[in-house]
Amino acid sequence: MLLTGILFVCVTGIVRYLGSSLPAIEAAFIRYACGVVLILPVLVRVRRRLPRGRALGLSVVRGMIHGVAVMLWFYAMARIPIAEVTAIGYTAPIFTTLGAALFLGERLHARRIAAVVFGFIGVLVILRPGFEIIKLGALAQLLAAPFFAASFLIAKKLTETLDPSVIVAALSVFTTAALVPGAILQWRNPSLGELFWLFLTAGFATLGHYTLTRALQAAPITLTQPVSYLQLVWACLLGIIAFGEALDIWVITGAGIIVIAISYISHRETVVAARVRTPAFRTPSLTDLYSTRNRPFQDQESG
């Protein structure tokens, strides 16, 4: 997870370096097209397990939603400091929690509602509406968060029927396809240098998703998630050293509030999951003992 954070900050650093020299949607398209090239071996391996029917429809919708999110993220990266982009991006899990309650029927208890409210207070601390002019880049990143959350929720639904490698491959293909029309409309011939940096971005992002998957396989999310917040530290250092960006105390304070809210939501998810996996012990009643005693032997074995 530590390596994942460093790799994703490398992605943000390259996109920040490219700035607004390319339209956001074109830059996003080239990055994902390069990603498709990198995962061609995976596509060949899973070609017989590609989504069909309802799963195909969900994969297409996810690709379109993710395409919008990535375009907004590229736009934000070119216009506001790296630390601010990273901090606002932490709101995605909050939108995921709200989306799970609205669309997946998951219960939203009072404590989770309080955590969501605190998360949005953190956003207000970062943006400071009424005290500062809200930048378009910050609004774009804030708008990208619910799109990323929707993409995650669809991915969660797809895991019920598809292999993770198929889901990742489908995301790359359909996101690239979704970005094609906008990229054509705003196309500007990229230089060889820009193509090189965007291909490098795709490489770092692909490797980052791989190390993220390995981290989640190796340890519970309650252990890996706190390490992921170090990404804000790397983002701040990169912004200061490479781009001369000032460290904004309001961004750090707001990010801290959001991190606390997300950590609490993650803790509650873990507690609920543990309760589902481990039912509470109940002392058997006389009726239970009698029914077990009179049950056929093979039934007792199967039970």
C-alpha atoms as a PDB file:
ATOM      1  CA  MET A   1       0.000   0.000   0.000  1.00  0.00           C
ATOM      2  CA  LEU A   2       2.955   2.292   0.659  1.00  0.00           C
ATOM      3  CA  LEU A   3       4.252   1.634  -2.868  1.00  0.00           C
ATOM      4  CA  THR A   4       0.731   2.138  -4.256  1.00  0.00           C
ATOM      5  CA  GLY A   5       0.557   5.627  -2.786  1.00  0.00           C
ATOM      6  CA  ILE A   6       3.956   6.553  -4.262  1.00  0.00           C
ATOM      7  CA  LEU A   7       2.962   5.231  -7.704  1.00  0.00           C
ATOM      8  CA  PHE A   8      -0.323   7.167  -7.747  1.00  0.00           C
ATOM      9  CA  VAL A   9       1.475  10.344  -6.686  1.00  0.00           C
ATOM     10  CA  CYS A  10       3.849   9.769  -9.632  1.00  0.00           C
ATOM     11  CA  VAL A  11       0.756   9.703 -11.854  1.00  0.00           C
ATOM     12  CA  THR A  12      -0.526  12.985 -10.409  1.00  0.00           C
ATOM     13  CA  GLY A  13       2.930  14.554 -10.717  1.00  0.00           C
ATOM     14  CA  ILE A  14       3.220  13.723 -14.428  1.00  0.00           C
ATOM     15  CA  VAL A  15      -0.278  15.012 -15.182  1.00  0.00           C
ATOM     16  CA  ARG A  16       0.512  18.177 -13.225  1.00  0.00           C
ATOM     17  CA  TYR A  17       3.747  18.560 -15.208  1.00  0.00           C
ATOM     18  CA  LEU A  18       1.862  18.291 -18.507  1.00  0.00           C
ATOM     19  CA  GLY A  19      -0.537  20.969 -17.228  1.00  0.00           C
ATOM     20  CA  SER A  20      -3.188  22.201 -19.646  1.00  0.00           C
ATOM     21  CA  SER A  21      -1.108  21.789 -22.798  1.00  0.00           C
ATOM     22  CA  LEU A  22      -3.536  19.066 -23.897  1.00  0.00           C
ATOM     23  CA  PRO A  23      -7.331  19.139 -23.491  1.00  0.00           C
ATOM     24  CA  ALA A  24      -8.291  17.119 -20.402  1.00  0.00           C
ATOM     25  CA  ILE A  25     -10.439  14.622 -22.302  1.00  0.00           C
ATOM     26  CA  GLU A  26      -7.728  14.012 -24.922  1.00  0.00           C
ATOM     27  CA  ALA A  27      -5.075  13.481 -22.247  1.00  0.00           C
ATOM     28  CA  ALA A  28      -7.398  11.054 -20.418  1.00  0.00           C
ATOM     29  CA  PHE A  29      -8.097   9.169 -23.669  1.00  0.00           C
ATOM     30  CA  ILE A  30      -4.392   8.782 -24.521  1.00  0.00           C
ATOM     31  CA  ARG A  31      -3.625   7.616 -20.985  1.00  0.00           C
ATOM     32  CA  TYR A  32      -6.337   4.922 -21.098  1.00  0.00           C
ATOM     33  CA  ALA A  33      -5.479   3.893 -24.656  1.00  0.00           C
ATOM     34  CA  CYS A  34      -1.899   3.313 -23.475  1.00  0.00           C
ATOM     35  CA  GLY A  35      -3.337   1.332 -20.565  1.00  0.00           C
ATOM     36  CA  VAL A  36      -5.215  -0.933 -22.987  1.00  0.00           C
ATOM     37  CA  VAL A  37      -1.941  -1.595 -24.812  1.00  0.00           C
ATOM     38  CA  LEU A  38      -0.297  -2.543 -21.507  1.00  0.00           C
ATOM     39  CA  ILE A  39      -3.054  -4.996 -20.529  1.00  0.00           C
ATOM     40  CA  LEU A  40      -3.348  -6.697 -23.948  1.00  0.00           C
ATOM     41  CA  PRO A  41      -1.864  -9.949 -22.520  1.00  0.00           C
ATOM     42  CA  VAL A  42      -4.635  -9.943 -19.872  1.00  0.00           C
ATOM     43  CA  LEU A  43      -7.292  -9.291 -22.537  1.00  0.00           C
ATOM     44  CA  VAL A  44      -6.043 -12.253 -24.573  1.00  0.00           C
ATOM     45  CA  ARG A  45      -6.129 -14.492 -21.490  1.00  0.00           C
ATOM     46  CA  VAL A  46      -9.663 -13.551 -20.401  1.00  0.00           C
ATOM     47  CA  ARG A  47     -11.226 -13.174 -23.873  1.00  0.00           C
ATOM     48  CA  ARG A  48     -13.553 -16.151 -23.294  1.00  0.00           C
ATOM     49  CA  ARG A  49     -14.730 -14.756 -19.948  1.00  0.00           C
ATOM     50  CA  LEU A  50     -15.599 -11.260 -21.112  1.00  0.00           C
ATOM     51  CA  PRO A  51     -18.889  -9.907 -19.693  1.00  0.00           C
ATOM     52  CA  ARG A  52     -22.155 -10.738 -21.399  1.00  0.00           C
ATOM     53  CA  GLY A  53     -25.787  -9.770 -20.932  1.00  0.00           C
ATOM     54  CA  ARG A  54     -26.488  -7.654 -17.847  1.00  0.00           C
ATOM     55  CA  ALA A  55     -22.831  -7.723 -16.801  1.00  0.00           C
ATOM     56  CA  LEU A  56     -21.865  -6.304 -20.198  1.00  0.00           C
ATOM     57  CA  GLY A  57     -24.395  -3.490 -19.836  1.00  0.00           C
ATOM     58  CA  LEU A  58     -23.094  -2.611 -16.361  1.00  0.00           C
ATOM     59  CA  SER A  59     -19.510  -2.682 -17.637  1.00  0.00           C
ATOM     60  CA  VAL A  60     -20.382  -0.260 -20.453  1.00  0.00           C
ATOM     61  CA  VAL A  61     -22.161   2.102 -18.044  1.00  0.00           C
ATOM     62  CA  ARG A  62     -19.228   1.910 -15.656  1.00  0.00           C
ATOM     63  CA  GLY A  63     -16.812   2.758 -18.454  1.00  0.00           C
ATOM     64  CA  MET A  64     -18.845   5.865 -19.365  1.00  0.00           C
ATOM     65  CA  ILE A  65     -19.081   7.013 -15.728  1.00  0.00           C
ATOM     66  CA  HIS A  66     -15.389   6.379 -15.100  1.00  0.00           C
ATOM     67  CA  GLY A  67     -14.526   8.240 -18.294  1.00  0.00           C
ATOM     68  CA  VAL A  68     -16.309  11.367 -17.015  1.00  0.00           C
ATOM     69  CA  ALA A  69     -14.559  11.049 -13.640  1.00  0.00           C
ATOM     70  CA  VAL A  70     -11.116  10.705 -15.216  1.00  0.00           C
ATOM     71  CA  MET A  71     -11.703  13.685 -17.538  1.00  0.00           C
ATOM     72  CA  LEU A  72     -12.698  15.855 -14.553  1.00  0.00           C
ATOM     73  CA  TRP A  73      -9.653  14.634 -12.606  1.00  0.00           C
ATOM     74  CA  PHE A  74      -7.284  15.525 -15.472  1.00  0.00           C
ATOM     75  CA  TYR A  75      -8.894  18.974 -15.647  1.00  0.00           C
ATOM     76  CA  ALA A  76      -8.450  19.503 -11.892  1.00  0.00           C
ATOM     77  CA  MET A  77      -4.842  18.290 -11.869  1.00  0.00           C
ATOM     78  CA  ALA A  78      -3.823  20.942 -14.388  1.00  0.00           C
ATOM     79  CA  ARG A  79      -5.348  23.794 -12.388  1.00  0.00           C
ATOM     80  CA  ILE A  80      -5.051  23.329  -8.608  1.00  0.00           C
ATOM     81  CA  PRO A  81      -2.226  22.153  -6.300  1.00  0.00           C
ATOM     82  CA  ILE A  82      -1.538  18.413  -6.046  1.00  0.00           C
ATOM     83  CA  ALA A  83      -2.275  18.359  -2.301  1.00  0.00           C
ATOM     84  CA  GLU A  84      -5.703  19.925  -2.876  1.00  0.00           C
ATOM     85  CA  VAL A  85      -6.597  17.421  -5.603  1.00  0.00           C
ATOM     86  CA  THR A  86      -5.546  14.539  -3.322  1.00  0.00           C
ATOM     87  CA  ALA A  87      -7.438  15.915  -0.307  1.00  0.00           C
ATOM     88  CA  ILE A  88     -10.704  16.473  -2.198  1.00  0.00           C
ATOM     89  CA  GLY A  89     -10.299  13.040  -3.816  1.00  0.00           C
ATOM     90  CA  TYR A  90     -10.578  11.473  -0.354  1.00  0.00           C
ATOM     91  CA  THR A  91     -14.314  12.288  -0.449  1.00  0.00           C
ATOM     92  CA  ALA A  92     -14.994   9.430  -2.895  1.00  0.00           C
ATOM     93  CA  PRO A  93     -15.526   6.834  -0.086  1.00  0.00           C
ATOM     94  CA  ILE A  94     -18.061   9.198   1.504  1.00  0.00           C
ATOM     95  CA  PHE A  95     -20.061   9.302  -1.733  1.00  0.00           C
ATOM     96  CA  THR A  96     -19.666   5.511  -1.933  1.00  0.00           C
ATOM     97  CA  THR A  97     -21.301   5.169   1.486  1.00  0.00           C
ATOM     98  CA  LEU A  98     -24.222   7.372   0.409  1.00  0.00           C
ATOM     99  CA  GLY A  99     -24.561   5.516  -2.904  1.00  0.00           C
ATOM    100  CA  ALA A 100     -24.595   2.121  -1.189  1.00  0.00           C
ATOM    101  CA  ALA A 101     -27.473   3.316   0.984  1.00  0.00           C
ATOM    102  CA  LEU A 102     -29.436   4.846  -1.900  1.00  0.00           C
ATOM    103  CA  PHE A 103     -28.911   2.213  -4.611  1.00  0.00           C
ATOM    104  CA  LEU A 104     -27.795  -1.025  -2.914  1.00  0.00           C
ATOM    105  CA  GLY A 105     -30.172  -0.904   0.027  1.00  0.00           C
ATOM    106  CA  GLU A 106     -27.433  -0.816   2.688  1.00  0.00           C
ATOM    107  CA  ARG A 107     -28.554   0.663   6.002  1.00  0.00           C
ATOM    108  CA  LEU A 108     -27.183   4.080   6.932  1.00  0.00           C
ATOM    109  CA  HIS A 109     -27.065   4.289  10.728  1.00  0.00           C
ATOM    110  CA  ALA A 110     -26.780   7.507  12.742  1.00  0.00           C
ATOM    111  CA  ARG A 111     -23.049   7.112  13.356  1.00  0.00           C
ATOM    112  CA  ARG A 112     -22.320   6.688   9.645  1.00  0.00           C
ATOM    113  CA  ILE A 113     -24.500   9.707   8.836  1.00  0.00           C
ATOM    114  CA  ALA A 114     -22.465  11.718  11.350  1.00  0.00           C
ATOM    115  CA  ALA A 115     -19.225  10.554   9.699  1.00  0.00           C
ATOM    116  CA  VAL A 116     -20.551  11.586   6.275  1.00  0.00           C
ATOM    117  CA  VAL A 117     -21.503  15.032   7.631  1.00  0.00           C
ATOM    118  CA  PHE A 118     -18.027  15.465   9.127  1.00  0.00           C
ATOM    119  CA  GLY A 119     -16.518  14.480   5.778  1.00  0.00           C
ATOM    120  CA  PHE A 120     -18.415  17.242   4.008  1.00  0.00           C
ATOM    121  CA  ILE A 121     -17.396  19.698   6.730  1.00  0.00           C
ATOM    122  CA  GLY A 122     -13.818  18.792   5.783  1.00  0.00           C
ATOM    123  CA  VAL A 123     -14.612  19.688   2.161  1.00  0.00           C
ATOM    124  CA  LEU A 124     -16.010  23.069   3.259  1.00  0.00           C
ATOM    125  CA  VAL A 125     -12.819  23.738   5.231  1.00  0.00           C
ATOM    126  CA  ILE A 126     -10.767  23.077   2.074  1.00  0.00           C
ATOM    127  CA  LEU A 127     -12.959  25.122  -0.277  1.00  0.00           C
ATOM    128  CA  ARG A 128     -13.923  27.870   2.228  1.00  0.00           C
ATOM    129  CA  PRO A 129     -16.920  29.150   0.190  1.00  0.00           C
ATOM    130  CA  GLY A 130     -17.673  32.783   0.963  1.00  0.00           C
ATOM    131  CA  PHE A 131     -14.102  33.397   2.122  1.00  0.00           C
ATOM    132  CA  GLU A 132     -12.269  32.288  -1.012  1.00  0.00           C
ATOM    133  CA  ILE A 133     -13.254  32.164  -4.679  1.00  0.00           C
ATOM    134  CA  ILE A 134     -13.900  28.486  -5.399  1.00  0.00           C
ATOM    135  CA  LYS A 135     -11.623  27.476  -8.245  1.00  0.00           C
ATOM    136  CA  LEU A 136     -12.984  25.547 -11.250  1.00  0.00           C
ATOM    137  CA  GLY A 137     -10.328  22.879 -10.697  1.00  0.00           C
ATOM    138  CA  ALA A 138     -11.560  22.276  -7.140  1.00  0.00           C
ATOM    139  CA  LEU A 139     -15.179  22.038  -8.342  1.00  0.00           C
ATOM    140  CA  ALA A 140     -14.127  19.587 -11.076  1.00  0.00           C
ATOM    141  CA  GLN A 141     -12.382  17.339  -8.531  1.00  0.00           C
ATOM    142  CA  LEU A 142     -15.333  17.512  -6.145  1.00  0.00           C
ATOM    143  CA  LEU A 143     -17.661  16.583  -9.029  1.00  0.00           C
ATOM    144  CA  ALA A 144     -15.353  13.718 -10.011  1.00  0.00           C
ATOM    145  CA  ALA A 145     -15.636  12.111  -6.555  1.00  0.00           C
ATOM    146  CA  PRO A 146     -19.267  10.881  -6.878  1.00  0.00           C
ATOM    147  CA  PHE A 147     -18.499   9.563 -10.378  1.00  0.00           C
ATOM    148  CA  PHE A 148     -15.555   7.570  -8.997  1.00  0.00           C
ATOM    149  CA  ALA A 149     -17.842   6.367  -6.196  1.00  0.00           C
ATOM    150  CA  ALA A 150     -20.468   5.218  -8.715  1.00  0.00           C
ATOM    151  CA  SER A 151     -17.769   3.376 -10.656  1.00  0.00           C
ATOM    152  CA  PHE A 152     -16.708   1.603  -7.458  1.00  0.00           C
ATOM    153  CA  LEU A 153     -20.288   0.604  -6.598  1.00  0.00           C
ATOM    154  CA  ILE A 154     -20.831  -0.885 -10.064  1.00  0.00           C
ATOM    155  CA  ALA A 155     -17.529  -2.758  -9.713  1.00  0.00           C
ATOM    156  CA  LYS A 156     -18.757  -4.119  -6.377  1.00  0.00           C
ATOM    157  CA  LYS A 157     -21.909  -5.387  -8.104  1.00  0.00           C
ATOM    158  CA  LEU A 158     -19.887  -6.931 -10.952  1.00  0.00           C
ATOM    159  CA  THR A 159     -17.713  -8.934  -8.523  1.00  0.00           C
ATOM    160  CA  GLU A 160     -20.774 -11.120  -7.896  1.00  0.00           C
ATOM    161  CA  THR A 161     -20.486 -12.628 -11.403  1.00  0.00           C
ATOM    162  CA  LEU A 162     -17.106 -11.635 -12.912  1.00  0.00           C
ATOM    163  CA  ASP A 163     -13.460 -12.316 -12.141  1.00  0.00           C
ATOM    164  CA  PRO A 164     -11.522  -9.216 -10.933  1.00  0.00           C
ATOM    165  CA  SER A 165      -9.103  -9.397 -13.879  1.00  0.00           C
ATOM    166  CA  VAL A 166     -12.074  -9.311 -16.296  1.00  0.00           C
ATOM    167  CA  ILE A 167     -13.548  -6.304 -14.473  1.00  0.00           C
ATOM    168  CA  VAL A 168     -10.268  -4.371 -14.696  1.00  0.00           C
ATOM    169  CA  ALA A 169      -9.805  -5.253 -18.379  1.00  0.00           C
ATOM    170  CA  ALA A 170     -13.381  -4.243 -19.217  1.00  0.00           C
ATOM    171  CA  LEU A 171     -12.918  -0.928 -17.387  1.00  0.00           C
ATOM    172  CA  SER A 172      -9.844  -0.065 -19.460  1.00  0.00           C
ATOM    173  CA  VAL A 173     -11.546  -0.916 -22.769  1.00  0.00           C
ATOM    174  CA  PHE A 174     -14.907   0.777 -22.129  1.00  0.00           C
ATOM    175  CA  THR A 175     -13.416   3.874 -20.496  1.00  0.00           C
ATOM    176  CA  THR A 176     -11.184   4.344 -23.539  1.00  0.00           C
ATOM    177  CA  ALA A 177     -14.183   3.915 -25.838  1.00  0.00           C
ATOM    178  CA  ALA A 178     -16.247   6.400 -23.809  1.00  0.00           C
ATOM    179  CA  LEU A 179     -13.524   9.057 -24.139  1.00  0.00           C
ATOM    180  CA  VAL A 180     -13.178   8.709 -27.939  1.00  0.00           C
ATOM    181  CA  PRO A 181     -15.944  11.170 -29.049  1.00  0.00           C
ATOM    182  CA  GLY A 182     -14.772  13.996 -26.784  1.00  0.00           C
ATOM    183  CA  ALA A 183     -11.127  13.392 -27.650  1.00  0.00           C
ATOM    184  CA  ILE A 184     -11.931  13.645 -31.380  1.00  0.00           C
ATOM    185  CA  LEU A 185     -13.833  16.921 -30.895  1.00  0.00           C
ATOM    186  CA  GLN A 186     -10.971  18.528 -28.944  1.00  0.00           C
ATOM    187  CA  TRP A 187      -8.067  16.757 -30.628  1.00  0.00           C
ATOM    188  CA  ARG A 188      -4.706  18.467 -30.821  1.00  0.00           C
ATOM    189  CA  ASN A 189      -1.757  16.498 -32.193  1.00  0.00           C
ATOM    190  CA  PRO A 190       0.360  15.600 -29.139  1.00  0.00           C
ATOM    191  CA  SER A 191       4.133  15.854 -29.236  1.00  0.00           C
ATOM    192  CA  LEU A 192       6.346  12.789 -28.809  1.00  0.00           C
ATOM    193  CA  GLY A 193       7.255  14.076 -25.353  1.00  0.00           C
ATOM    194  CA  GLU A 194       3.595  14.281 -24.306  1.00  0.00           C
ATOM    195  CA  LEU A 195       2.935  10.778 -25.632  1.00  0.00           C
ATOM    196  CA  PHE A 196       5.942   9.484 -23.667  1.00  0.00           C
ATOM    197  CA  TRP A 197       4.749  11.042 -20.401  1.00  0.00           C
ATOM    198  CA  LEU A 198       1.181   9.796 -20.852  1.00  0.00           C
ATOM    199  CA  PHE A 199       2.427   6.276 -21.612  1.00  0.00           C
ATOM    200  CA  LEU A 200       4.525   6.486 -18.439  1.00  0.00           C
ATOM    201  CA  THR A 201       1.409   7.637 -16.578  1.00  0.00           C
ATOM    202  CA  ALA A 202      -0.464   4.556 -17.812  1.00  0.00           C
ATOM    203  CA  GLY A 203       2.416   2.348 -16.654  1.00  0.00           C
ATOM    204  CA  PHE A 204       2.500   3.862 -13.157  1.00  0.00           C
ATOM    205  CA  ALA A 205      -1.304   3.689 -12.853  1.00  0.00           C
ATOM    206  CA  THR A 206      -1.477   0.052 -14.025  1.00  0.00           C
ATOM    207  CA  LEU A 207       1.292  -0.963 -11.620  1.00  0.00           C
ATOM    208  CA  GLY A 208      -0.420   1.022  -8.856  1.00  0.00           C
ATOM    209  CA  HIS A 209      -3.694  -0.869  -9.353  1.00  0.00           C
ATOM    210  CA  TYR A 210      -1.738  -4.150  -9.235  1.00  0.00           C
ATOM    211  CA  THR A 211       0.070  -3.279  -5.970  1.00  0.00           C
ATOM    212  CA  LEU A 212      -3.233  -2.038  -4.513  1.00  0.00           C
ATOM    213  CA  THR A 213      -4.861  -5.396  -5.281  1.00  0.00           C
ATOM    214  CA  ARG A 214      -1.922  -7.260  -3.730  1.00  0.00           C
ATOM    215  CA  ALA A 215      -2.119  -5.081  -0.612  1.00  0.00           C
ATOM    216  CA  LEU A 216      -5.836  -5.754  -0.177  1.00  0.00           C
ATOM    217  CA  GLN A 217      -5.210  -9.483  -0.615  1.00  0.00           C
ATOM    218  CA  ALA A 218      -2.397  -9.502   1.939  1.00  0.00           C
ATOM    219  CA  ALA A 219      -3.985  -7.572   4.816  1.00  0.00           C
ATOM    220  CA  PRO A 220      -7.349  -6.273   6.113  1.00  0.00           C
ATOM    221  CA  ILE A 221      -8.437  -2.848   4.898  1.00  0.00           C
ATOM    222  CA  THR A 222      -8.219  -1.528   8.488  1.00  0.00           C
ATOM    223  CA  LEU A 223      -4.444  -2.034   8.248  1.00  0.00           C
ATOM    224  CA  THR A 224      -3.917  -0.890   4.665  1.00  0.00           C
ATOM    225  CA  GLN A 225      -6.183   2.174   4.608  1.00  0.00           C
ATOM    226  CA  PRO A 226      -4.212   4.278   7.146  1.00  0.00           C
ATOM    227  CA  VAL A 227      -1.084   3.703   5.028  1.00  0.00           C
ATOM    228  CA  SER A 228      -2.946   4.955   1.949  1.00  0.00           C
ATOM    229  CA  TYR A 229      -3.369   8.344   3.631  1.00  0.00           C
ATOM    230  CA  LEU A 230       0.397   8.821   3.376  1.00  0.00           C
ATOM    231  CA  GLN A 231      -0.364   9.636  -0.262  1.00  0.00           C
ATOM    232  CA  LEU A 232      -1.287  13.141   0.949  1.00  0.00           C
ATOM    233  CA  VAL A 233       2.200  13.477   2.481  1.00  0.00           C
ATOM    234  CA  TRP A 234       3.875  12.466  -0.798  1.00  0.00           C
ATOM    235  CA  ALA A 235       1.553  14.818  -2.718  1.00  0.00           C
ATOM    236  CA  CYS A 236       2.455  17.763  -0.469  1.00  0.00           C
ATOM    237  CA  LEU A 237       6.194  17.029  -0.758  1.00  0.00           C
ATOM    238  CA  LEU A 238       5.981  16.680  -4.543  1.00  0.00           C
ATOM    239  CA  GLY A 239       4.030  19.922  -4.869  1.00  0.00           C
ATOM    240  CA  ILE A 240       6.534  21.824  -2.709  1.00  0.00           C
ATOM    241  CA  ILE A 241       9.742  20.389  -4.203  1.00  0.00           C
ATOM    242  CA  ALA A 242       8.834  19.961  -7.880  1.00  0.00           C
ATOM    243  CA  PHE A 243       6.277  22.727  -8.470  1.00  0.00           C
ATOM    244  CA  GLY A 244       6.925  25.268  -5.713  1.00  0.00           C
ATOM    245  CA  GLU A 245       3.361  24.967  -4.360  1.00  0.00           C
ATOM    246  CA  ALA A 246       2.755  26.517  -0.937  1.00  0.00           C
ATOM    247  CA  LEU A 247       1.496  24.275   1.864  1.00  0.00           C
ATOM    248  CA  ASP A 248      -2.073  25.394   2.614  1.00  0.00           C
ATOM    249  CA  ILE A 249      -2.980  24.823   6.279  1.00  0.00           C
ATOM    250  CA  TRP A 250      -6.709  24.842   5.395  1.00  0.00           C
ATOM    251  CA  VAL A 251      -6.224  22.009   2.890  1.00  0.00           C
ATOM    252  CA  ILE A 252      -4.311  19.965   5.481  1.00  0.00           C
ATOM    253  CA  THR A 253      -6.936  20.649   8.186  1.00  0.00           C
ATOM    254  CA  GLY A 254      -9.835  19.756   5.890  1.00  0.00           C
ATOM    255  CA  ALA A 255      -8.039  16.626   4.717  1.00  0.00           C
ATOM    256  CA  GLY A 256      -7.522  15.593   8.340  1.00  0.00           C
ATOM    257  CA  ILE A 257     -11.259  15.896   9.039  1.00  0.00           C
ATOM    258  CA  ILE A 258     -12.092  13.859   5.907  1.00  0.00           C
ATOM    259  CA  VAL A 259      -9.514  11.171   6.822  1.00  0.00           C
ATOM    260  CA  ILE A 260     -11.004  10.804  10.320  1.00  0.00           C
ATOM    261  CA  ALA A 261     -14.512  10.475   8.836  1.00  0.00           C
ATOM    262  CA  ILE A 262     -13.421   7.851   6.294  1.00  0.00           C
ATOM    263  CA  SER A 263     -11.461   5.920   8.939  1.00  0.00           C
ATOM    264  CA  TYR A 264     -14.569   5.734  11.110  1.00  0.00           C
ATOM    265  CA  ILE A 265     -16.726   4.584   8.182  1.00  0.00           C
ATOM    266  CA  SER A 266     -14.123   1.905   7.377  1.00  0.00           C
ATOM    267  CA  HIS A 267     -14.060   0.820  11.027  1.00  0.00           C
ATOM    268  CA  ARG A 268     -17.838   0.441  11.105  1.00  0.00           C
ATOM    269  CA  GLU A 269     -17.800  -1.571   7.850  1.00  0.00           C
ATOM    270  CA  THR A 270     -15.241  -3.936   9.398  1.00  0.00           C
ATOM    271  CA  VAL A 271     -17.255  -4.338  12.611  1.00  0.00           C
ATOM    272  CA  VAL A 272     -20.479  -5.085  10.694  1.00  0.00           C
ATOM    273  CA  ALA A 273     -18.682  -7.557   8.405  1.00  0.00           C
ATOM    274  CA  ALA A 274     -17.228  -9.350  11.429  1.00  0.00           C
ATOM    275  CA  ARG A 275     -20.697  -9.668  12.963  1.00  0.00           C
ATOM    276  CA  VAL A 276     -22.045 -11.173   9.734  1.00  0.00           C
ATOM    277  CA  ARG A 277     -19.183 -13.701   9.548  1.00  0.00           C
ATOM    278  CA  THR A 278     -19.334 -14.623  13.252  1.00  0.00           C
ATOM    279  CA  PRO A 279     -22.904 -14.987  14.571  1.00  0.00           C
ATOM    280  CA  ALA A 280     -23.340 -14.364  18.277  1.00  0.00           C
ATOM    281  CA  PHE A 281     -23.435 -17.521  20.450  1.00  0.00           C
ATOM    282  CA  ARG A 282     -26.896 -18.496  21.629  1.00  0.00           C
ATOM    283  CA  THR A 283     -27.489 -21.002  24.394  1.00  0.00           C
ATOM    284  CA  PRO A 284     -29.621 -23.819  22.909  1.00  0.00           C
ATOM    285  CA  SER A 285     -33.092 -24.220  24.336  1.00  0.00           C
ATOM    286  CA  LEU A 286     -34.704 -27.510  25.350  1.00  0.00           C
ATOM    287  CA  THR A 287     -36.662 -27.431  22.087  1.00  0.00           C
ATOM    288  CA  ASP A 288     -33.403 -27.134  20.100  1.00  0.00           C
ATOM    289  CA  LEU A 289     -31.859 -30.043  21.978  1.00  0.00           C
ATOM    290  CA  TYR A 290     -34.952 -32.204  21.490  1.00  0.00           C
ATOM    291  CA  SER A 291     -35.177 -31.489  17.748  1.00  0.00           C
ATOM    292  CA  THR A 292     -31.467 -32.266  17.303  1.00  0.00           C
ATOM    293  CA  ARG A 293     -31.762 -35.446  19.304  1.00  0.00           C
ATOM    294  CA  ASN A 294     -34.634 -36.719  17.164  1.00  0.00           C
ATOM    295  CA  ARG A 295     -33.167 -35.615  13.823  1.00  0.00           C
ATOM    296  CA  PRO A 296     -31.907 -38.430  11.527  1.00  0.00           C
ATOM    297  CA  PHE A 297     -28.176 -39.118  11.856  1.00  0.00           C
ATOM    298  CA  GLN A 298     -27.320 -38.042   8.313  1.00  0.00           C
ATOM    299  CA  ASP A 299     -29.030 -34.703   8.859  1.00  0.00           C
ATOM    300  CA  GLN A 300     -26.948 -34.075  11.967  1.00  0.00           C
ATOM    301  CA  GLU A 301     -23.798 -34.780   9.959  1.00  0.00           C
ATOM    302  CA  SER A 302     -24.796 -32.474   7.115  1.00  0.00           C
ATOM    303  CA  GLY A 303     -25.764 -29.754   9.613  1.00  0.00           C
END
